[in-house]
Structures are given as C-alpha cells and as structure tokens.
Amino acid sequence: MGYVPEDVKDLYSHVIPARISKKDIQLRVEFLYCNTCFVENISVKKANSKKVSEYREMWGFDEEIDHWLKLFTGEITPPRNIAQRDERRLYLNEMPENIVSKIIRFFQQNKI
C-alpha cells in the first residue's frame, strides 16, 4: 500500500458483509502528523493453490520432506492409523518427531 510505518498512528479494520461488497475487509489508516486517514478495501482470496511438487522444484527439498508435506497439505490422504484429528490431512504433531525436526531444520536453513 506504500505507507511509511513510522507515520501511521493507528489502524482500524472491519469485515464487510458479502451482500454489500466483494471486498472482504476494510482498513482505515490514520496518520500521526495530520488529521488524514485513508480507507483501503482488501479482498481476501483463497490461499495459494500450488502443489507441493512445485515448491520442491523451487526450494529443492528431498523426497521424504515432499511426501510428508503432501500428507500435511492433504495432497495425499494419510493412512487412517496415523491421522487422528482429520482424515483428510496430517497435522505436524501427528508426524514422527524426526520428520518434523527435518522439515523445520530444512526451512530454517533455507529461509530467505
């Protein structure tokens, strides 16, 4: 949006009902040095729909991380004996500790 954070006095937001506007959130930016505020309408869209394999190409993680991230995102349905909270996907706390550590370590070492 291009605002200088140090110049912003306050932010106010509220959800706009779908029947009024296609915008999901309205944000009001109030400034420190003048009695001016700007209103921004923000449309919140569905999260990224890239497949794990596309991220694997970009990041270069190994096949094991690829497999477990596919279970995490629901791209692969997890075996019923592993998934406890949701049969469609696997949560990190349902994965073996060594796998979670490996995933976290990979992203910590390769963060931008």
PDB file of N, CA and C in Angstrom:
ATOM      1  N   MET A   1       0.812  -1.196   0.000  1.00  0.00           N
ATOM      2  CA  MET A   1       0.000   0.000   0.000  1.00  0.00           C
ATOM      3  C   MET A   1       0.849   1.249   0.000  1.00  0.00           C
ATOM      4  N   GLY A   2       2.114   1.099   0.376  1.00  0.00           N
ATOM      5  CA  GLY A   2       3.042   2.205   0.245  1.00  0.00           C
ATOM      6  C   GLY A   2       3.103   3.169   1.418  1.00  0.00           C
ATOM      7  N   TYR A   3       2.508   2.867   2.561  1.00  0.00           N
ATOM      8  CA  TYR A   3       2.546   3.761   3.714  1.00  0.00           C
ATOM      9  C   TYR A   3       3.863   3.572   4.472  1.00  0.00           C
ATOM     10  N   VAL A   4       4.350   4.657   5.041  1.00  0.00           N
ATOM     11  CA  VAL A   4       5.548   4.595   5.873  1.00  0.00           C
ATOM     12  C   VAL A   4       5.083   4.218   7.280  1.00  0.00           C
ATOM     13  N   PRO A   5       5.506   3.071   7.792  1.00  0.00           N
ATOM     14  CA  PRO A   5       5.009   2.599   9.095  1.00  0.00           C
ATOM     15  C   PRO A   5       5.178   3.604  10.241  1.00  0.00           C
ATOM     16  N   GLU A   6       6.275   4.368  10.225  1.00  0.00           N
ATOM     17  CA  GLU A   6       6.529   5.334  11.295  1.00  0.00           C
ATOM     18  C   GLU A   6       5.514   6.475  11.294  1.00  0.00           C
ATOM     19  N   ASP A   7       4.860   6.732  10.156  1.00  0.00           N
ATOM     20  CA  ASP A   7       3.881   7.820  10.043  1.00  0.00           C
ATOM     21  C   ASP A   7       2.475   7.389  10.426  1.00  0.00           C
ATOM     22  N   VAL A   8       2.263   6.108  10.619  1.00  0.00           N
ATOM     23  CA  VAL A   8       0.920   5.596  10.909  1.00  0.00           C
ATOM     24  C   VAL A   8       0.652   5.676  12.407  1.00  0.00           C
ATOM     25  N   LYS A   9      -0.453   6.338  12.755  1.00  0.00           N
ATOM     26  CA  LYS A   9      -0.856   6.463  14.154  1.00  0.00           C
ATOM     27  C   LYS A   9      -1.669   5.243  14.583  1.00  0.00           C
ATOM     28  N   ASP A  10      -2.609   4.840  13.745  1.00  0.00           N
ATOM     29  CA  ASP A  10      -3.476   3.730  14.118  1.00  0.00           C
ATOM     30  C   ASP A  10      -4.080   3.072  12.888  1.00  0.00           C
ATOM     31  N   LEU A  11      -4.466   1.818  13.071  1.00  0.00           N
ATOM     32  CA  LEU A  11      -5.144   1.051  12.024  1.00  0.00           C
ATOM     33  C   LEU A  11      -6.460   0.541  12.593  1.00  0.00           C
ATOM     34  N   TYR A  12      -7.507   0.654  11.807  1.00  0.00           N
ATOM     35  CA  TYR A  12      -8.801   0.109  12.192  1.00  0.00           C
ATOM     36  C   TYR A  12      -9.281  -0.766  11.049  1.00  0.00           C
ATOM     37  N   SER A  13      -9.870  -1.866  11.388  1.00  0.00           N
ATOM     38  CA  SER A  13     -10.377  -2.732  10.321  1.00  0.00           C
ATOM     39  C   SER A  13     -11.709  -3.329  10.729  1.00  0.00           C
ATOM     40  N   HIS A  14     -12.495  -3.670   9.717  1.00  0.00           N
ATOM     41  CA  HIS A  14     -13.718  -4.425   9.956  1.00  0.00           C
ATOM     42  C   HIS A  14     -14.072  -5.215   8.706  1.00  0.00           C
ATOM     43  N   VAL A  15     -14.819  -6.261   8.939  1.00  0.00           N
ATOM     44  CA  VAL A  15     -15.231  -7.142   7.849  1.00  0.00           C
ATOM     45  C   VAL A  15     -16.454  -6.550   7.172  1.00  0.00           C
ATOM     46  N   ILE A  16     -16.423  -6.526   5.844  1.00  0.00           N
ATOM     47  CA  ILE A  16     -17.562  -6.045   5.071  1.00  0.00           C
ATOM     48  C   ILE A  16     -18.413  -7.246   4.690  1.00  0.00           C
ATOM     49  N   PRO A  17     -19.700  -7.229   5.019  1.00  0.00           N
ATOM     50  CA  PRO A  17     -20.566  -8.359   4.653  1.00  0.00           C
ATOM     51  C   PRO A  17     -20.580  -8.582   3.139  1.00  0.00           C
ATOM     52  N   ALA A  18     -20.638  -9.818   2.721  1.00  0.00           N
ATOM     53  CA  ALA A  18     -20.580 -10.184   1.297  1.00  0.00           C
ATOM     54  C   ALA A  18     -21.722  -9.568   0.505  1.00  0.00           C
ATOM     55  N   ARG A  19     -22.856  -9.351   1.108  1.00  0.00           N
ATOM     56  CA  ARG A  19     -24.004  -8.811   0.361  1.00  0.00           C
ATOM     57  C   ARG A  19     -23.825  -7.337  -0.009  1.00  0.00           C
ATOM     58  N   ILE A  20     -22.875  -6.650   0.653  1.00  0.00           N
ATOM     59  CA  ILE A  20     -22.644  -5.230   0.379  1.00  0.00           C
ATOM     60  C   ILE A  20     -21.537  -5.025  -0.652  1.00  0.00           C
ATOM     61  N   SER A  21     -20.486  -5.779  -0.530  1.00  0.00           N
ATOM     62  CA  SER A  21     -19.321  -5.576  -1.389  1.00  0.00           C
ATOM     63  C   SER A  21     -18.578  -6.884  -1.596  1.00  0.00           C
ATOM     64  N   LYS A  22     -17.837  -6.962  -2.682  1.00  0.00           N
ATOM     65  CA  LYS A  22     -16.999  -8.136  -2.906  1.00  0.00           C
ATOM     66  C   LYS A  22     -15.714  -8.047  -2.092  1.00  0.00           C
ATOM     67  N   LYS A  23     -15.417  -6.872  -1.571  1.00  0.00           N
ATOM     68  CA  LYS A  23     -14.248  -6.711  -0.712  1.00  0.00           C
ATOM     69  C   LYS A  23     -14.540  -7.365   0.619  1.00  0.00           C
ATOM     70  N   ASP A  24     -13.556  -7.993   1.188  1.00  0.00           N
ATOM     71  CA  ASP A  24     -13.765  -8.710   2.437  1.00  0.00           C
ATOM     72  C   ASP A  24     -13.463  -7.884   3.682  1.00  0.00           C
ATOM     73  N   ILE A  25     -12.440  -7.039   3.611  1.00  0.00           N
ATOM     74  CA  ILE A  25     -12.011  -6.268   4.777  1.00  0.00           C
ATOM     75  C   ILE A  25     -11.808  -4.816   4.371  1.00  0.00           C
ATOM     76  N   GLN A  26     -12.222  -3.914   5.241  1.00  0.00           N
ATOM     77  CA  GLN A  26     -11.946  -2.500   5.022  1.00  0.00           C
ATOM     78  C   GLN A  26     -10.974  -2.052   6.102  1.00  0.00           C
ATOM     79  N   LEU A  27      -9.891  -1.434   5.689  1.00  0.00           N
ATOM     80  CA  LEU A  27      -8.835  -0.993   6.599  1.00  0.00           C
ATOM     81  C   LEU A  27      -8.758   0.527   6.549  1.00  0.00           C
ATOM     82  N   ARG A  28      -8.799   1.166   7.729  1.00  0.00           N
ATOM     83  CA  ARG A  28      -8.657   2.618   7.805  1.00  0.00           C
ATOM     84  C   ARG A  28      -7.309   2.922   8.434  1.00  0.00           C
ATOM     85  N   VAL A  29      -6.497   3.699   7.715  1.00  0.00           N
ATOM     86  CA  VAL A  29      -5.146   4.049   8.160  1.00  0.00           C
ATOM     87  C   VAL A  29      -5.170   5.505   8.615  1.00  0.00           C
ATOM     88  N   GLU A  30      -4.836   5.737   9.887  1.00  0.00           N
ATOM     89  CA  GLU A  30      -4.827   7.078  10.459  1.00  0.00           C
ATOM     90  C   GLU A  30      -3.375   7.502  10.671  1.00  0.00           C
ATOM     91  N   PHE A  31      -3.058   8.747  10.304  1.00  0.00           N
ATOM     92  CA  PHE A  31      -1.682   9.217  10.351  1.00  0.00           C
ATOM     93  C   PHE A  31      -1.396  10.089  11.574  1.00  0.00           C
ATOM     94  N   LEU A  32      -0.115  10.114  11.985  1.00  0.00           N
ATOM     95  CA  LEU A  32       0.325  10.871  13.157  1.00  0.00           C
ATOM     96  C   LEU A  32       0.283  12.375  12.957  1.00  0.00           C
ATOM     97  N   TYR A  33       0.801  12.854  11.845  1.00  0.00           N
ATOM     98  CA  TYR A  33       1.109  14.271  11.689  1.00  0.00           C
ATOM     99  C   TYR A  33       0.009  15.116  11.079  1.00  0.00           C
ATOM    100  N   CYS A  34      -1.057  14.535  10.678  1.00  0.00           N
ATOM    101  CA  CYS A  34      -2.158  15.314  10.111  1.00  0.00           C
ATOM    102  C   CYS A  34      -3.465  14.583  10.426  1.00  0.00           C
ATOM    103  N   ASN A  35      -4.533  15.264  10.291  1.00  0.00           N
ATOM    104  CA  ASN A  35      -5.834  14.647  10.557  1.00  0.00           C
ATOM    105  C   ASN A  35      -6.361  13.970   9.297  1.00  0.00           C
ATOM    106  N   THR A  36      -5.531  13.148   8.722  1.00  0.00           N
ATOM    107  CA  THR A  36      -5.879  12.464   7.487  1.00  0.00           C
ATOM    108  C   THR A  36      -5.945  10.973   7.732  1.00  0.00           C
ATOM    109  N   CYS A  37      -6.887  10.343   7.065  1.00  0.00           N
ATOM    110  CA  CYS A  37      -6.918   8.885   7.099  1.00  0.00           C
ATOM    111  C   CYS A  37      -7.312   8.393   5.712  1.00  0.00           C
ATOM    112  N   PHE A  38      -6.837   7.235   5.388  1.00  0.00           N
ATOM    113  CA  PHE A  38      -7.145   6.603   4.111  1.00  0.00           C
ATOM    114  C   PHE A  38      -7.877   5.300   4.380  1.00  0.00           C
ATOM    115  N   VAL A  39      -8.755   4.960   3.464  1.00  0.00           N
ATOM    116  CA  VAL A  39      -9.510   3.714   3.582  1.00  0.00           C
ATOM    117  C   VAL A  39      -9.073   2.796   2.453  1.00  0.00           C
ATOM    118  N   GLU A  40      -8.722   1.587   2.802  1.00  0.00           N
ATOM    119  CA  GLU A  40      -8.316   0.572   1.829  1.00  0.00           C
ATOM    120  C   GLU A  40      -9.291  -0.595   1.911  1.00  0.00           C
ATOM    121  N   ASN A  41      -9.796  -1.032   0.774  1.00  0.00           N
ATOM    122  CA  ASN A  41     -10.620  -2.232   0.712  1.00  0.00           C
ATOM    123  C   ASN A  41      -9.736  -3.386   0.268  1.00  0.00           C
ATOM    124  N   ILE A  42      -9.721  -4.442   1.052  1.00  0.00           N
ATOM    125  CA  ILE A  42      -8.833  -5.566   0.795  1.00  0.00           C
ATOM    126  C   ILE A  42      -9.671  -6.806   0.530  1.00  0.00           C
ATOM    127  N   SER A  43      -9.400  -7.437  -0.584  1.00  0.00           N
ATOM    128  CA  SER A  43     -10.083  -8.682  -0.919  1.00  0.00           C
ATOM    129  C   SER A  43      -9.205  -9.843  -0.482  1.00  0.00           C
ATOM    130  N   VAL A  44      -9.739 -10.665   0.382  1.00  0.00           N
ATOM    131  CA  VAL A  44      -9.006 -11.818   0.866  1.00  0.00           C
ATOM    132  C   VAL A  44      -9.396 -13.002   0.007  1.00  0.00           C
ATOM    133  N   LYS A  45      -8.424 -13.558  -0.643  1.00  0.00           N
ATOM    134  CA  LYS A  45      -8.691 -14.663  -1.565  1.00  0.00           C
ATOM    135  C   LYS A  45      -8.191 -15.969  -0.990  1.00  0.00           C
ATOM    136  N   LYS A  46      -8.603 -17.033  -1.625  1.00  0.00           N
ATOM    137  CA  LYS A  46      -8.180 -18.368  -1.225  1.00  0.00           C
ATOM    138  C   LYS A  46      -6.655 -18.450  -1.265  1.00  0.00           C
ATOM    139  N   ALA A  47      -6.119 -19.221  -0.359  1.00  0.00           N
ATOM    140  CA  ALA A  47      -4.671 -19.398  -0.268  1.00  0.00           C
ATOM    141  C   ALA A  47      -4.105 -19.983  -1.553  1.00  0.00           C
ATOM    142  N   ASN A  48      -2.830 -19.883  -1.670  1.00  0.00           N
ATOM    143  CA  ASN A  48      -2.102 -20.375  -2.833  1.00  0.00           C
ATOM    144  C   ASN A  48      -2.483 -21.818  -3.156  1.00  0.00           C
ATOM    145  N   SER A  49      -2.638 -22.119  -4.427  1.00  0.00           N
ATOM    146  CA  SER A  49      -3.049 -23.466  -4.820  1.00  0.00           C
ATOM    147  C   SER A  49      -1.922 -24.257  -5.482  1.00  0.00           C
ATOM    148  N   LYS A  50      -0.676 -23.834  -5.240  1.00  0.00           N
ATOM    149  CA  LYS A  50       0.455 -24.580  -5.797  1.00  0.00           C
ATOM    150  C   LYS A  50       0.553 -25.946  -5.143  1.00  0.00           C
ATOM    151  N   LYS A  51       1.015 -26.894  -5.893  1.00  0.00           N
ATOM    152  CA  LYS A  51       1.245 -28.242  -5.384  1.00  0.00           C
ATOM    153  C   LYS A  51       2.600 -28.289  -4.680  1.00  0.00           C
ATOM    154  N   VAL A  52       2.736 -29.228  -3.760  1.00  0.00           N
ATOM    155  CA  VAL A  52       3.990 -29.394  -3.020  1.00  0.00           C
ATOM    156  C   VAL A  52       5.151 -29.626  -3.978  1.00  0.00           C
ATOM    157  N   SER A  53       4.911 -30.365  -5.050  1.00  0.00           N
ATOM    158  CA  SER A  53       5.988 -30.648  -6.011  1.00  0.00           C
ATOM    159  C   SER A  53       6.528 -29.364  -6.653  1.00  0.00           C
ATOM    160  N   GLU A  54       5.673 -28.354  -6.827  1.00  0.00           N
ATOM    161  CA  GLU A  54       6.141 -27.075  -7.370  1.00  0.00           C
ATOM    162  C   GLU A  54       7.069 -26.383  -6.380  1.00  0.00           C
ATOM    163  N   TYR A  55       6.722 -26.473  -5.096  1.00  0.00           N
ATOM    164  CA  TYR A  55       7.605 -25.909  -4.069  1.00  0.00           C
ATOM    165  C   TYR A  55       8.902 -26.704  -3.970  1.00  0.00           C
ATOM    166  N   ARG A  56       8.815 -28.006  -4.186  1.00  0.00           N
ATOM    167  CA  ARG A  56      10.029 -28.834  -4.157  1.00  0.00           C
ATOM    168  C   ARG A  56      11.003 -28.380  -5.243  1.00  0.00           C
ATOM    169  N   GLU A  57      10.469 -28.078  -6.421  1.00  0.00           N
ATOM    170  CA  GLU A  57      11.327 -27.581  -7.514  1.00  0.00           C
ATOM    171  C   GLU A  57      11.980 -26.255  -7.127  1.00  0.00           C
ATOM    172  N   MET A  58      11.200 -25.364  -6.489  1.00  0.00           N
ATOM    173  CA  MET A  58      11.722 -24.047  -6.117  1.00  0.00           C
ATOM    174  C   MET A  58      12.733 -24.140  -4.984  1.00  0.00           C
ATOM    175  N   TRP A  59      12.443 -24.949  -3.969  1.00  0.00           N
ATOM    176  CA  TRP A  59      13.245 -24.995  -2.751  1.00  0.00           C
ATOM    177  C   TRP A  59      14.279 -26.111  -2.742  1.00  0.00           C
ATOM    178  N   GLY A  60      14.039 -27.175  -3.485  1.00  0.00           N
ATOM    179  CA  GLY A  60      14.995 -28.268  -3.558  1.00  0.00           C
ATOM    180  C   GLY A  60      15.011 -29.199  -2.354  1.00  0.00           C
ATOM    181  N   PHE A  61      13.874 -29.339  -1.659  1.00  0.00           N
ATOM    182  CA  PHE A  61      13.872 -30.299  -0.548  1.00  0.00           C
ATOM    183  C   PHE A  61      13.746 -31.716  -1.071  1.00  0.00           C
ATOM    184  N   ASP A  62      14.095 -32.677  -0.230  1.00  0.00           N
ATOM    185  CA  ASP A  62      14.171 -34.064  -0.672  1.00  0.00           C
ATOM    186  C   ASP A  62      12.800 -34.746  -0.741  1.00  0.00           C
ATOM    187  N   GLU A  63      12.817 -35.974  -1.215  1.00  0.00           N
ATOM    188  CA  GLU A  63      11.591 -36.740  -1.441  1.00  0.00           C
ATOM    189  C   GLU A  63      10.834 -37.024  -0.142  1.00  0.00           C
ATOM    190  N   GLU A  64      11.579 -37.229   0.939  1.00  0.00           N
ATOM    191  CA  GLU A  64      10.930 -37.518   2.218  1.00  0.00           C
ATOM    192  C   GLU A  64      10.142 -36.309   2.726  1.00  0.00           C
ATOM    193  N   ILE A  65      10.737 -35.128   2.669  1.00  0.00           N
ATOM    194  CA  ILE A  65      10.035 -33.901   3.057  1.00  0.00           C
ATOM    195  C   ILE A  65       8.844 -33.687   2.138  1.00  0.00           C
ATOM    196  N   ASP A  66       9.035 -33.913   0.842  1.00  0.00           N
ATOM    197  CA  ASP A  66       7.960 -33.795  -0.150  1.00  0.00           C
ATOM    198  C   ASP A  66       6.772 -34.668   0.251  1.00  0.00           C
ATOM    199  N   HIS A  67       7.035 -35.912   0.588  1.00  0.00           N
ATOM    200  CA  HIS A  67       5.977 -36.859   0.959  1.00  0.00           C
ATOM    201  C   HIS A  67       5.204 -36.391   2.190  1.00  0.00           C
ATOM    202  N   TRP A  68       5.922 -35.992   3.244  1.00  0.00           N
ATOM    203  CA  TRP A  68       5.263 -35.595   4.483  1.00  0.00           C
ATOM    204  C   TRP A  68       4.529 -34.266   4.339  1.00  0.00           C
ATOM    205  N   LEU A  69       5.043 -33.348   3.512  1.00  0.00           N
ATOM    206  CA  LEU A  69       4.315 -32.099   3.260  1.00  0.00           C
ATOM    207  C   LEU A  69       3.037 -32.360   2.464  1.00  0.00           C
ATOM    208  N   LYS A  70       3.065 -33.339   1.584  1.00  0.00           N
ATOM    209  CA  LYS A  70       1.847 -33.711   0.858  1.00  0.00           C
ATOM    210  C   LYS A  70       0.804 -34.293   1.808  1.00  0.00           C
ATOM    211  N   LEU A  71       1.249 -35.042   2.803  1.00  0.00           N
ATOM    212  CA  LEU A  71       0.325 -35.540   3.829  1.00  0.00           C
ATOM    213  C   LEU A  71      -0.224 -34.376   4.664  1.00  0.00           C
ATOM    214  N   PHE A  72       0.643 -33.416   4.976  1.00  0.00           N
ATOM    215  CA  PHE A  72       0.265 -32.252   5.772  1.00  0.00           C
ATOM    216  C   PHE A  72      -0.767 -31.384   5.048  1.00  0.00           C
ATOM    217  N   THR A  73      -0.582 -31.171   3.752  1.00  0.00           N
ATOM    218  CA  THR A  73      -1.497 -30.313   2.988  1.00  0.00           C
ATOM    219  C   THR A  73      -2.749 -31.041   2.521  1.00  0.00           C
ATOM    220  N   GLY A  74      -2.753 -32.347   2.643  1.00  0.00           N
ATOM    221  CA  GLY A  74      -3.905 -33.118   2.183  1.00  0.00           C
ATOM    222  C   GLY A  74      -3.823 -33.495   0.720  1.00  0.00           C
ATOM    223  N   GLU A  75      -2.700 -33.208   0.094  1.00  0.00           N
ATOM    224  CA  GLU A  75      -2.494 -33.589  -1.305  1.00  0.00           C
ATOM    225  C   GLU A  75      -2.485 -35.117  -1.426  1.00  0.00           C
ATOM    226  N   ILE A  76      -1.988 -35.783  -0.395  1.00  0.00           N
ATOM    227  CA  ILE A  76      -2.066 -37.246  -0.269  1.00  0.00           C
ATOM    228  C   ILE A  76      -2.896 -37.527   0.982  1.00  0.00           C
ATOM    229  N   THR A  77      -3.856 -38.417   0.868  1.00  0.00           N
ATOM    230  CA  THR A  77      -4.666 -38.784   2.037  1.00  0.00           C
ATOM    231  C   THR A  77      -3.835 -39.664   2.969  1.00  0.00           C
ATOM    232  N   PRO A  78      -3.748 -39.277   4.237  1.00  0.00           N
ATOM    233  CA  PRO A  78      -2.936 -40.061   5.173  1.00  0.00           C
ATOM    234  C   PRO A  78      -3.606 -41.382   5.546  1.00  0.00           C
ATOM    235  N   PRO A  79      -2.799 -42.364   5.917  1.00  0.00           N
ATOM    236  CA  PRO A  79      -3.375 -43.627   6.392  1.00  0.00           C
ATOM    237  C   PRO A  79      -4.210 -43.380   7.646  1.00  0.00           C
ATOM    238  N   ARG A  80      -5.299 -44.090   7.776  1.00  0.00           N
ATOM    239  CA  ARG A  80      -6.218 -43.874   8.905  1.00  0.00           C
ATOM    240  C   ARG A  80      -5.574 -44.137  10.261  1.00  0.00           C
ATOM    241  N   ASN A  81      -4.597 -45.018  10.313  1.00  0.00           N
ATOM    242  CA  ASN A  81      -3.969 -45.328  11.596  1.00  0.00           C
ATOM    243  C   ASN A  81      -3.030 -44.215  12.079  1.00  0.00           C
ATOM    244  N   ILE A  82      -2.713 -43.244  11.200  1.00  0.00           N
ATOM    245  CA  ILE A  82      -1.827 -42.139  11.594  1.00  0.00           C
ATOM    246  C   ILE A  82      -2.638 -40.875  11.887  1.00  0.00           C
ATOM    247  N   ALA A  83      -3.513 -40.491  10.962  1.00  0.00           N
ATOM    248  CA  ALA A  83      -4.302 -39.260  11.112  1.00  0.00           C
ATOM    249  C   ALA A  83      -5.339 -39.438  12.214  1.00  0.00           C
ATOM    250  N   GLN A  84      -5.281 -38.574  13.204  1.00  0.00           N
ATOM    251  CA  GLN A  84      -6.198 -38.685  14.329  1.00  0.00           C
ATOM    252  C   GLN A  84      -7.264 -37.598  14.331  1.00  0.00           C
ATOM    253  N   ARG A  85      -6.898 -36.362  13.988  1.00  0.00           N
ATOM    254  CA  ARG A  85      -7.844 -35.243  14.077  1.00  0.00           C
ATOM    255  C   ARG A  85      -8.647 -35.039  12.813  1.00  0.00           C
ATOM    256  N   ASP A  86      -8.064 -35.346  11.669  1.00  0.00           N
ATOM    257  CA  ASP A  86      -8.722 -35.067  10.394  1.00  0.00           C
ATOM    258  C   ASP A  86      -8.292 -36.135   9.394  1.00  0.00           C
ATOM    259  N   GLU A  87      -9.237 -36.846   8.854  1.00  0.00           N
ATOM    260  CA  GLU A  87      -8.884 -37.935   7.921  1.00  0.00           C
ATOM    261  C   GLU A  87      -8.378 -37.431   6.580  1.00  0.00           C
ATOM    262  N   ARG A  88      -8.552 -36.135   6.300  1.00  0.00           N
ATOM    263  CA  ARG A  88      -8.134 -35.567   5.010  1.00  0.00           C
ATOM    264  C   ARG A  88      -6.677 -35.141   4.983  1.00  0.00           C
ATOM    265  N   ARG A  89      -6.091 -34.872   6.149  1.00  0.00           N
ATOM    266  CA  ARG A  89      -4.718 -34.369   6.206  1.00  0.00           C
ATOM    267  C   ARG A  89      -4.070 -34.767   7.513  1.00  0.00           C
ATOM    268  N   LEU A  90      -2.774 -34.524   7.595  1.00  0.00           N
ATOM    269  CA  LEU A  90      -1.989 -34.874   8.772  1.00  0.00           C
ATOM    270  C   LEU A  90      -1.472 -33.595   9.415  1.00  0.00           C
ATOM    271  N   TYR A  91      -1.556 -33.492  10.711  1.00  0.00           N
ATOM    272  CA  TYR A  91      -1.011 -32.353  11.436  1.00  0.00           C
ATOM    273  C   TYR A  91       0.438 -32.647  11.830  1.00  0.00           C
ATOM    274  N   LEU A  92       1.206 -31.579  12.060  1.00  0.00           N
ATOM    275  CA  LEU A  92       2.615 -31.766  12.415  1.00  0.00           C
ATOM    276  C   LEU A  92       2.790 -32.607  13.671  1.00  0.00           C
ATOM    277  N   ASN A  93       1.902 -32.439  14.648  1.00  0.00           N
ATOM    278  CA  ASN A  93       2.053 -33.205  15.885  1.00  0.00           C
ATOM    279  C   ASN A  93       1.641 -34.665  15.721  1.00  0.00           C
ATOM    280  N   GLU A  94       1.176 -35.042  14.544  1.00  0.00           N
ATOM    281  CA  GLU A  94       0.858 -36.435  14.241  1.00  0.00           C
ATOM    282  C   GLU A  94       1.988 -37.111  13.452  1.00  0.00           C
ATOM    283  N   MET A  95       2.988 -36.335  13.091  1.00  0.00           N
ATOM    284  CA  MET A  95       4.138 -36.869  12.358  1.00  0.00           C
ATOM    285  C   MET A  95       5.209 -37.315  13.343  1.00  0.00           C
ATOM    286  N   PRO A  96       6.077 -38.228  12.908  1.00  0.00           N
ATOM    287  CA  PRO A  96       7.212 -38.607  13.758  1.00  0.00           C
ATOM    288  C   PRO A  96       8.084 -37.387  14.062  1.00  0.00           C
ATOM    289  N   GLU A  97       8.617 -37.328  15.269  1.00  0.00           N
ATOM    290  CA  GLU A  97       9.435 -36.180  15.685  1.00  0.00           C
ATOM    291  C   GLU A  97      10.618 -35.929  14.771  1.00  0.00           C
ATOM    292  N   ASN A  98      11.259 -37.009  14.308  1.00  0.00           N
ATOM    293  CA  ASN A  98      12.435 -36.826  13.449  1.00  0.00           C
ATOM    294  C   ASN A  98      12.055 -36.171  12.112  1.00  0.00           C
ATOM    295  N   ILE A  99      10.856 -36.440  11.625  1.00  0.00           N
ATOM    296  CA  ILE A  99      10.395 -35.831  10.369  1.00  0.00           C
ATOM    297  C   ILE A  99      10.098 -34.353  10.582  1.00  0.00           C
ATOM    298  N   VAL A 100       9.389 -34.039  11.658  1.00  0.00           N
ATOM    299  CA  VAL A 100       9.086 -32.635  11.963  1.00  0.00           C
ATOM    300  C   VAL A 100      10.383 -31.847  12.122  1.00  0.00           C
ATOM    301  N   SER A 101      11.333 -32.403  12.834  1.00  0.00           N
ATOM    302  CA  SER A 101      12.630 -31.738  13.017  1.00  0.00           C
ATOM    303  C   SER A 101      13.321 -31.522  11.677  1.00  0.00           C
ATOM    304  N   LYS A 102      13.256 -32.519  10.814  1.00  0.00           N
ATOM    305  CA  LYS A 102      13.892 -32.415   9.495  1.00  0.00           C
ATOM    306  C   LYS A 102      13.240 -31.310   8.659  1.00  0.00           C
ATOM    307  N   ILE A 103      11.913 -31.235   8.683  1.00  0.00           N
ATOM    308  CA  ILE A 103      11.194 -30.201   7.929  1.00  0.00           C
ATOM    309  C   ILE A 103      11.553 -28.820   8.465  1.00  0.00           C
ATOM    310  N   ILE A 104      11.476 -28.656   9.773  1.00  0.00           N
ATOM    311  CA  ILE A 104      11.785 -27.362  10.382  1.00  0.00           C
ATOM    312  C   ILE A 104      13.231 -26.960  10.109  1.00  0.00           C
ATOM    313  N   ARG A 105      14.139 -27.897  10.274  1.00  0.00           N
ATOM    314  CA  ARG A 105      15.564 -27.627  10.030  1.00  0.00           C
ATOM    315  C   ARG A 105      15.793 -27.188   8.576  1.00  0.00           C
ATOM    316  N   PHE A 106      15.135 -27.867   7.630  1.00  0.00           N
ATOM    317  CA  PHE A 106      15.305 -27.502   6.225  1.00  0.00           C
ATOM    318  C   PHE A 106      14.884 -26.048   5.995  1.00  0.00           C
ATOM    319  N   PHE A 107      13.697 -25.674   6.491  1.00  0.00           N
ATOM    320  CA  PHE A 107      13.215 -24.316   6.244  1.00  0.00           C
ATOM    321  C   PHE A 107      13.989 -23.263   7.024  1.00  0.00           C
ATOM    322  N   GLN A 108      14.498 -23.607   8.193  1.00  0.00           N
ATOM    323  CA  GLN A 108      15.347 -22.661   8.932  1.00  0.00           C
ATOM    324  C   GLN A 108      16.650 -22.413   8.176  1.00  0.00           C
ATOM    325  N   GLN A 109      17.225 -23.449   7.612  1.00  0.00           N
ATOM    326  CA  GLN A 109      18.495 -23.326   6.895  1.00  0.00           C
ATOM    327  C   GLN A 109      18.338 -22.665   5.530  1.00  0.00           C
ATOM    328  N   ASN A 110      17.122 -22.686   4.979  1.00  0.00           N
ATOM    329  CA  ASN A 110      16.918 -22.164   3.630  1.00  0.00           C
ATOM    330  C   ASN A 110      15.990 -20.966   3.553  1.00  0.00           C
ATOM    331  N   LYS A 111      15.747 -20.317   4.700  1.00  0.00           N
ATOM    332  CA  LYS A 111      14.853 -19.166   4.668  1.00  0.00           C
ATOM    333  C   LYS A 111      15.514 -18.009   3.924  1.00  0.00           C
ATOM    334  N   ILE A 112      14.689 -17.177   3.365  1.00  0.00           N
ATOM    335  CA  ILE A 112      15.204 -16.045   2.583  1.00  0.00           C
ATOM    336  C   ILE A 112      15.401 -14.851   3.491  1.00  0.00           C
TER     337      ILE A 112
END
